[in-house]
Amino acid sequence: MFNIFKKKGKEVIHKTSTILSDLIPGQKAFIRNLSEDCQGVERQRLMDMGFVPGSLVEVEVSSPFHDPTAYRIKGGLIALRKIQASKINISPA
């Protein structure tokens, strides 16, 4: 969308596993799992929105300070704060 919202630097995931908050707009990944510290209502809410293992997620747009960020998943557009996105483990698409 706007280049001013993109993080500068490397845009390729080099690790085999990382967290959702590390991605930049335009990148895609598969959900691996939710971290152990994501429990209760928060875990259920994320899973209800589609953040379940095997789902493809794409970063659509990031706010000026990268919090929140909008993610496209299962046909919907969901905005998550960085602290929430850091609880979602991903694998490169």
N, C-alpha and C. Protein backbone atom coordinates (compact mmCIF):
# COMPACT_ATOMS: atom_id res chain seq x y z
N MET A 1 0.85 -1.18 0.00
CA MET A 1 0.00 0.00 0.00
C MET A 1 0.88 1.24 0.00
N PHE A 2 1.30 1.72 1.15
CA PHE A 2 2.21 2.86 1.24
C PHE A 2 3.57 2.35 1.68
N ASN A 3 4.61 2.74 0.96
CA ASN A 3 5.95 2.28 1.30
C ASN A 3 6.45 2.79 2.64
N ILE A 4 5.88 3.88 3.15
CA ILE A 4 6.34 4.41 4.42
C ILE A 4 5.99 3.48 5.58
N PHE A 5 5.04 2.56 5.38
CA PHE A 5 4.63 1.66 6.45
C PHE A 5 5.44 0.37 6.47
N LYS A 6 6.28 0.15 5.49
CA LYS A 6 7.06 -1.09 5.43
C LYS A 6 8.34 -0.96 6.24
N LYS A 7 8.69 -2.03 6.92
CA LYS A 7 9.96 -2.06 7.64
C LYS A 7 11.09 -2.13 6.63
N LYS A 8 12.17 -1.49 6.94
CA LYS A 8 13.34 -1.55 6.07
C LYS A 8 14.17 -2.77 6.44
N GLY A 9 14.99 -3.23 5.53
CA GLY A 9 15.84 -4.37 5.81
C GLY A 9 15.42 -5.60 5.05
N LYS A 10 15.83 -6.75 5.55
CA LYS A 10 15.57 -8.01 4.86
C LYS A 10 14.09 -8.34 4.90
N GLU A 11 13.56 -8.76 3.77
CA GLU A 11 12.14 -9.07 3.67
C GLU A 11 11.90 -10.56 3.51
N VAL A 12 12.92 -11.37 3.68
CA VAL A 12 12.77 -12.81 3.51
C VAL A 12 12.95 -13.49 4.86
N ILE A 13 12.12 -14.47 5.12
CA ILE A 13 12.25 -15.23 6.36
C ILE A 13 13.35 -16.25 6.16
N HIS A 14 14.39 -16.20 6.97
CA HIS A 14 15.50 -17.14 6.85
C HIS A 14 15.36 -18.30 7.82
N LYS A 15 14.61 -18.13 8.87
CA LYS A 15 14.45 -19.19 9.86
C LYS A 15 13.39 -20.18 9.39
N THR A 16 13.41 -21.37 9.98
CA THR A 16 12.36 -22.33 9.66
C THR A 16 11.11 -22.05 10.47
N SER A 17 11.25 -21.36 11.57
CA SER A 17 10.11 -21.02 12.41
C SER A 17 10.33 -19.65 13.02
N THR A 18 9.31 -18.86 13.09
CA THR A 18 9.40 -17.52 13.66
C THR A 18 8.02 -17.15 14.20
N ILE A 19 7.86 -15.89 14.60
CA ILE A 19 6.57 -15.45 15.11
C ILE A 19 5.91 -14.49 14.12
N LEU A 20 4.60 -14.40 14.20
CA LEU A 20 3.81 -13.62 13.25
C LEU A 20 4.20 -12.15 13.24
N SER A 21 4.56 -11.60 14.38
CA SER A 21 4.88 -10.18 14.45
C SER A 21 6.17 -9.82 13.71
N ASP A 22 6.98 -10.81 13.30
CA ASP A 22 8.23 -10.56 12.56
C ASP A 22 8.00 -10.29 11.08
N LEU A 23 6.83 -10.63 10.57
CA LEU A 23 6.56 -10.45 9.14
C LEU A 23 6.31 -8.99 8.79
N ILE A 24 6.54 -8.66 7.53
CA ILE A 24 6.27 -7.32 7.04
C ILE A 24 5.19 -7.40 5.97
N PRO A 25 4.54 -6.29 5.62
CA PRO A 25 3.47 -6.31 4.62
C PRO A 25 3.89 -7.01 3.33
N GLY A 26 3.01 -7.89 2.86
CA GLY A 26 3.25 -8.64 1.63
C GLY A 26 3.74 -10.05 1.87
N GLN A 27 4.26 -10.35 3.05
CA GLN A 27 4.76 -11.68 3.34
C GLN A 27 3.64 -12.61 3.76
N LYS A 28 3.80 -13.90 3.43
CA LYS A 28 2.82 -14.92 3.79
C LYS A 28 3.51 -16.00 4.60
N ALA A 29 2.73 -16.69 5.44
CA ALA A 29 3.26 -17.78 6.25
C ALA A 29 2.12 -18.70 6.67
N PHE A 30 2.48 -19.88 7.14
CA PHE A 30 1.50 -20.81 7.67
C PHE A 30 1.57 -20.79 9.20
N ILE A 31 0.42 -20.87 9.84
CA ILE A 31 0.37 -20.92 11.30
C ILE A 31 0.88 -22.29 11.74
N ARG A 32 1.86 -22.30 12.63
CA ARG A 32 2.36 -23.56 13.19
C ARG A 32 1.59 -23.92 14.45
N ASN A 33 1.55 -23.00 15.39
CA ASN A 33 0.81 -23.20 16.64
C ASN A 33 0.75 -21.90 17.43
N LEU A 34 0.00 -21.93 18.51
CA LEU A 34 -0.05 -20.80 19.43
C LEU A 34 0.88 -21.13 20.59
N SER A 35 1.61 -20.13 21.08
CA SER A 35 2.57 -20.38 22.15
C SER A 35 1.87 -20.81 23.43
N GLU A 36 2.65 -21.39 24.31
CA GLU A 36 2.12 -21.91 25.58
C GLU A 36 1.58 -20.81 26.49
N ASP A 37 2.11 -19.60 26.38
CA ASP A 37 1.62 -18.52 27.25
C ASP A 37 0.32 -17.88 26.75
N CYS A 38 -0.19 -18.36 25.63
CA CYS A 38 -1.48 -17.91 25.12
C CYS A 38 -2.54 -18.91 25.59
N GLN A 39 -3.27 -18.56 26.62
CA GLN A 39 -4.22 -19.47 27.24
C GLN A 39 -5.59 -18.81 27.42
N GLY A 40 -6.56 -19.63 27.74
CA GLY A 40 -7.89 -19.15 28.10
C GLY A 40 -8.63 -18.43 27.00
N VAL A 41 -9.25 -17.31 27.37
CA VAL A 41 -10.09 -16.55 26.46
C VAL A 41 -9.29 -16.02 25.27
N GLU A 42 -8.08 -15.58 25.50
CA GLU A 42 -7.25 -15.05 24.41
C GLU A 42 -6.97 -16.13 23.36
N ARG A 43 -6.62 -17.32 23.81
CA ARG A 43 -6.36 -18.44 22.90
C ARG A 43 -7.61 -18.79 22.09
N GLN A 44 -8.73 -18.88 22.77
CA GLN A 44 -9.99 -19.22 22.10
C GLN A 44 -10.37 -18.15 21.07
N ARG A 45 -10.17 -16.88 21.42
CA ARG A 45 -10.50 -15.78 20.51
C ARG A 45 -9.66 -15.85 19.24
N LEU A 46 -8.34 -16.07 19.39
CA LEU A 46 -7.47 -16.18 18.22
C LEU A 46 -7.87 -17.36 17.33
N MET A 47 -8.19 -18.48 17.96
CA MET A 47 -8.58 -19.66 17.20
C MET A 47 -9.92 -19.44 16.50
N ASP A 48 -10.84 -18.76 17.15
CA ASP A 48 -12.14 -18.45 16.52
C ASP A 48 -11.99 -17.54 15.31
N MET A 49 -10.97 -16.68 15.32
CA MET A 49 -10.72 -15.78 14.19
C MET A 49 -9.99 -16.47 13.04
N GLY A 50 -9.55 -17.72 13.25
CA GLY A 50 -8.90 -18.47 12.17
C GLY A 50 -7.43 -18.74 12.36
N PHE A 51 -6.85 -18.30 13.45
CA PHE A 51 -5.43 -18.54 13.70
C PHE A 51 -5.24 -19.94 14.28
N VAL A 52 -5.42 -20.92 13.40
CA VAL A 52 -5.29 -22.33 13.78
C VAL A 52 -4.17 -22.94 12.95
N PRO A 53 -3.52 -24.01 13.44
CA PRO A 53 -2.42 -24.62 12.70
C PRO A 53 -2.81 -24.98 11.27
N GLY A 54 -1.91 -24.64 10.33
CA GLY A 54 -2.11 -24.94 8.92
C GLY A 54 -2.73 -23.82 8.12
N SER A 55 -3.26 -22.80 8.76
CA SER A 55 -3.90 -21.68 8.05
C SER A 55 -2.85 -20.77 7.43
N LEU A 56 -3.12 -20.30 6.23
CA LEU A 56 -2.24 -19.35 5.54
C LEU A 56 -2.61 -17.94 5.98
N VAL A 57 -1.62 -17.16 6.38
CA VAL A 57 -1.84 -15.78 6.81
C VAL A 57 -0.92 -14.86 6.02
N GLU A 58 -1.43 -13.68 5.67
CA GLU A 58 -0.64 -12.70 4.93
C GLU A 58 -0.75 -11.36 5.63
N VAL A 59 0.37 -10.65 5.70
CA VAL A 59 0.37 -9.32 6.30
C VAL A 59 -0.11 -8.34 5.23
N GLU A 60 -1.20 -7.66 5.51
CA GLU A 60 -1.77 -6.70 4.56
C GLU A 60 -1.15 -5.32 4.71
N VAL A 61 -1.30 -4.74 5.89
CA VAL A 61 -0.80 -3.38 6.12
C VAL A 61 -0.44 -3.23 7.59
N SER A 62 0.55 -2.41 7.83
CA SER A 62 1.00 -2.14 9.19
C SER A 62 0.81 -0.66 9.47
N SER A 63 0.43 -0.34 10.68
CA SER A 63 0.25 1.06 11.06
C SER A 63 1.63 1.74 11.14
N PRO A 64 1.67 3.06 11.24
CA PRO A 64 2.96 3.76 11.22
C PRO A 64 3.97 3.27 12.26
N PHE A 65 3.51 2.86 13.43
CA PHE A 65 4.42 2.36 14.46
C PHE A 65 4.37 0.84 14.58
N HIS A 66 3.79 0.17 13.57
CA HIS A 66 3.70 -1.29 13.47
C HIS A 66 2.89 -1.91 14.60
N ASP A 67 1.96 -1.17 15.14
CA ASP A 67 1.10 -1.70 16.19
C ASP A 67 -0.23 -0.95 16.18
N PRO A 68 -1.32 -1.50 15.70
CA PRO A 68 -1.53 -2.89 15.26
C PRO A 68 -1.16 -3.09 13.80
N THR A 69 -1.22 -4.35 13.39
CA THR A 69 -0.97 -4.77 12.01
C THR A 69 -2.18 -5.56 11.53
N ALA A 70 -2.57 -5.37 10.27
CA ALA A 70 -3.71 -6.09 9.70
C ALA A 70 -3.22 -7.34 8.97
N TYR A 71 -3.85 -8.47 9.28
CA TYR A 71 -3.51 -9.77 8.68
C TYR A 71 -4.72 -10.31 7.93
N ARG A 72 -4.47 -10.86 6.73
CA ARG A 72 -5.54 -11.52 5.97
C ARG A 72 -5.44 -13.00 6.26
N ILE A 73 -6.55 -13.56 6.77
CA ILE A 73 -6.60 -14.98 7.09
C ILE A 73 -8.01 -15.50 6.85
N LYS A 74 -8.09 -16.59 6.11
CA LYS A 74 -9.37 -17.24 5.80
C LYS A 74 -10.41 -16.26 5.25
N GLY A 75 -9.97 -15.34 4.39
CA GLY A 75 -10.88 -14.41 3.74
C GLY A 75 -11.23 -13.18 4.56
N GLY A 76 -10.77 -13.11 5.78
CA GLY A 76 -11.07 -11.95 6.64
C GLY A 76 -9.82 -11.11 6.88
N LEU A 77 -10.03 -9.90 7.32
CA LEU A 77 -8.94 -8.99 7.65
C LEU A 77 -8.99 -8.72 9.14
N ILE A 78 -7.97 -9.17 9.86
CA ILE A 78 -7.93 -9.09 11.31
C ILE A 78 -6.75 -8.23 11.74
N ALA A 79 -6.98 -7.27 12.63
CA ALA A 79 -5.90 -6.45 13.17
C ALA A 79 -5.51 -6.98 14.54
N LEU A 80 -4.20 -7.20 14.71
CA LEU A 80 -3.67 -7.68 15.98
C LEU A 80 -2.57 -6.75 16.47
N ARG A 81 -2.51 -6.57 17.76
CA ARG A 81 -1.40 -5.83 18.35
C ARG A 81 -0.16 -6.72 18.32
N LYS A 82 1.00 -6.11 18.43
CA LYS A 82 2.26 -6.83 18.35
C LYS A 82 2.36 -7.91 19.44
N ILE A 83 1.88 -7.61 20.63
CA ILE A 83 1.95 -8.58 21.73
C ILE A 83 1.11 -9.82 21.44
N GLN A 84 -0.03 -9.64 20.75
CA GLN A 84 -0.87 -10.78 20.38
C GLN A 84 -0.21 -11.58 19.26
N ALA A 85 0.30 -10.89 18.25
CA ALA A 85 0.93 -11.56 17.10
C ALA A 85 2.20 -12.31 17.51
N SER A 86 2.85 -11.87 18.58
CA SER A 86 4.08 -12.54 19.02
C SER A 86 3.78 -13.89 19.68
N LYS A 87 2.53 -14.18 19.95
CA LYS A 87 2.15 -15.46 20.55
C LYS A 87 1.77 -16.50 19.50
N ILE A 88 1.91 -16.14 18.21
CA ILE A 88 1.55 -17.05 17.12
C ILE A 88 2.82 -17.45 16.39
N ASN A 89 3.15 -18.74 16.43
CA ASN A 89 4.33 -19.28 15.76
C ASN A 89 3.97 -19.63 14.32
N ILE A 90 4.88 -19.31 13.40
CA ILE A 90 4.61 -19.52 11.98
C ILE A 90 5.77 -20.24 11.29
N SER A 91 5.48 -20.76 10.11
CA SER A 91 6.48 -21.33 9.21
C SER A 91 6.37 -20.60 7.88
N PRO A 92 7.47 -20.42 7.16
CA PRO A 92 7.40 -19.73 5.87
C PRO A 92 6.49 -20.42 4.87
N ALA A 93 5.83 -19.65 4.06
CA ALA A 93 4.91 -20.20 3.03
C ALA A 93 5.71 -20.58 1.80
